């Protein structure tokens, strides 16, 4: 099935108190020259939009992720 490029409506929430609060998912077309469905300029524009949104998120002005579906993370036990 085809997947829309860009941010997906999913997020993985990390343990409280860590440096990372959540992980967002972003789909981009392959960077391979064999992928003819997207021209280089289109791929570049998509990655520029990703970069801009990451900068907004880091500055605390990014998208509202509260409505995104939470993807559970497996429990990680240190040293195992």
C-alpha atoms as a PDB file:
ATOM      1  CA  UNK A   1       0.000   0.000   0.000  1.00  0.00           C
ATOM      2  CA  UNK A   2       1.108   3.533  -0.742  1.00  0.00           C
ATOM      3  CA  UNK A   3       2.120   5.649   2.222  1.00  0.00           C
ATOM      4  CA  UNK A   4       1.863   9.415   2.232  1.00  0.00           C
ATOM      5  CA  UNK A   5       5.190  11.200   2.527  1.00  0.00           C
ATOM      6  CA  UNK A   6       5.768  13.519   5.457  1.00  0.00           C
ATOM      7  CA  UNK A   7       5.001  13.173   9.138  1.00  0.00           C
ATOM      8  CA  UNK A   8       2.849  10.211  10.059  1.00  0.00           C
ATOM      9  CA  UNK A   9       0.102  10.352  12.709  1.00  0.00           C
ATOM     10  CA  UNK A  10       2.100   8.185  15.129  1.00  0.00           C
ATOM     11  CA  UNK A  11       4.493   8.852  17.989  1.00  0.00           C
ATOM     12  CA  UNK A  12       6.499   6.740  20.410  1.00  0.00           C
ATOM     13  CA  UNK A  13       6.510   8.133  23.951  1.00  0.00           C
ATOM     14  CA  UNK A  14       9.673   7.676  26.029  1.00  0.00           C
ATOM     15  CA  UNK A  15      10.090   7.361  29.799  1.00  0.00           C
ATOM     16  CA  UNK A  16       9.730  10.565  31.786  1.00  0.00           C
ATOM     17  CA  UNK A  17      12.860  12.357  32.842  1.00  0.00           C
ATOM     18  CA  UNK A  18      14.900  11.357  29.804  1.00  0.00           C
ATOM     19  CA  UNK A  19      16.446  13.661  27.249  1.00  0.00           C
ATOM     20  CA  UNK A  20      14.009  12.433  24.575  1.00  0.00           C
ATOM     21  CA  UNK A  21      10.274  12.767  25.247  1.00  0.00           C
ATOM     22  CA  UNK A  22       8.873  11.276  22.059  1.00  0.00           C
ATOM     23  CA  UNK A  23       9.845  10.000  18.629  1.00  0.00           C
ATOM     24  CA  UNK A  24       7.923  11.111  15.556  1.00  0.00           C
ATOM     25  CA  UNK A  25       7.779   9.224  12.269  1.00  0.00           C
ATOM     26  CA  UNK A  26       8.543  10.860   8.914  1.00  0.00           C
ATOM     27  CA  UNK A  27       8.301   9.077   5.562  1.00  0.00           C
ATOM     28  CA  UNK A  28      10.460  10.218   2.655  1.00  0.00           C
ATOM     29  CA  UNK A  29      10.965   8.703  -0.778  1.00  0.00           C
ATOM     30  CA  UNK A  30      14.169   6.813  -1.365  1.00  0.00           C
ATOM     31  CA  UNK A  31      17.182   8.956  -2.165  1.00  0.00           C
ATOM     32  CA  UNK A  32      18.155   6.488  -4.881  1.00  0.00           C
ATOM     33  CA  UNK A  33      18.303   7.913  -8.389  1.00  0.00           C
ATOM     34  CA  UNK A  34      16.309   4.868  -9.504  1.00  0.00           C
ATOM     35  CA  UNK A  35      13.198   6.194  -7.786  1.00  0.00           C
ATOM     36  CA  UNK A  36      11.585   8.012 -10.696  1.00  0.00           C
ATOM     37  CA  UNK A  37       8.346   8.958  -8.935  1.00  0.00           C
ATOM     38  CA  UNK A  38      10.011  11.873  -7.149  1.00  0.00           C
ATOM     39  CA  UNK A  39      12.374  14.314  -8.775  1.00  0.00           C
ATOM     40  CA  UNK A  40      15.452  15.546  -6.913  1.00  0.00           C
ATOM     41  CA  UNK A  41      13.937  19.013  -6.401  1.00  0.00           C
ATOM     42  CA  UNK A  42      10.823  17.438  -4.844  1.00  0.00           C
ATOM     43  CA  UNK A  43      12.916  15.276  -2.504  1.00  0.00           C
ATOM     44  CA  UNK A  44      15.012  18.304  -1.521  1.00  0.00           C
ATOM     45  CA  UNK A  45      11.899  20.377  -0.767  1.00  0.00           C
ATOM     46  CA  UNK A  46      10.487  17.578   1.383  1.00  0.00           C
ATOM     47  CA  UNK A  47      13.708  17.285   3.385  1.00  0.00           C
ATOM     48  CA  UNK A  48      13.860  21.076   3.801  1.00  0.00           C
ATOM     49  CA  UNK A  49      10.341  20.987   5.247  1.00  0.00           C
ATOM     50  CA  UNK A  50      11.460  18.227   7.643  1.00  0.00           C
ATOM     51  CA  UNK A  51      14.451  20.300   8.735  1.00  0.00           C
ATOM     52  CA  UNK A  52      12.267  23.364   9.314  1.00  0.00           C
ATOM     53  CA  UNK A  53       9.756  21.399  11.399  1.00  0.00           C
ATOM     54  CA  UNK A  54      12.536  19.814  13.490  1.00  0.00           C
ATOM     55  CA  UNK A  55      13.875  23.302  14.224  1.00  0.00           C
ATOM     56  CA  UNK A  56      10.377  24.466  15.263  1.00  0.00           C
ATOM     57  CA  UNK A  57       9.974  21.387  17.491  1.00  0.00           C
ATOM     58  CA  UNK A  58      13.336  21.995  19.144  1.00  0.00           C
ATOM     59  CA  UNK A  59      12.321  25.605  19.787  1.00  0.00           C
ATOM     60  CA  UNK A  60       9.051  24.479  21.376  1.00  0.00           C
ATOM     61  CA  UNK A  61       6.899  25.820  18.531  1.00  0.00           C
ATOM     62  CA  UNK A  62       6.299  22.620  16.582  1.00  0.00           C
ATOM     63  CA  UNK A  63       3.200  20.651  15.775  1.00  0.00           C
ATOM     64  CA  UNK A  64       0.760  19.447  18.402  1.00  0.00           C
ATOM     65  CA  UNK A  65       1.362  15.703  18.791  1.00  0.00           C
ATOM     66  CA  UNK A  66      -1.322  15.061  21.423  1.00  0.00           C
ATOM     67  CA  UNK A  67      -3.755  13.613  18.875  1.00  0.00           C
ATOM     68  CA  UNK A  68      -1.253  11.200  17.343  1.00  0.00           C
ATOM     69  CA  UNK A  69      -1.608   7.477  17.952  1.00  0.00           C
ATOM     70  CA  UNK A  70       0.970   6.213  20.458  1.00  0.00           C
ATOM     71  CA  UNK A  71       3.150   3.339  19.268  1.00  0.00           C
ATOM     72  CA  UNK A  72       4.276   1.261  22.274  1.00  0.00           C
ATOM     73  CA  UNK A  73       7.993   0.822  22.791  1.00  0.00           C
ATOM     74  CA  UNK A  74       9.362  -2.489  24.041  1.00  0.00           C
ATOM     75  CA  UNK A  75      10.668  -2.401  27.591  1.00  0.00           C
ATOM     76  CA  UNK A  76      14.430  -2.077  27.675  1.00  0.00           C
ATOM     77  CA  UNK A  77      16.276  -3.534  30.637  1.00  0.00           C
ATOM     78  CA  UNK A  78      19.798  -2.104  31.026  1.00  0.00           C
ATOM     79  CA  UNK A  79      22.541  -4.714  30.924  1.00  0.00           C
ATOM     80  CA  UNK A  80      20.409  -7.419  29.330  1.00  0.00           C
END
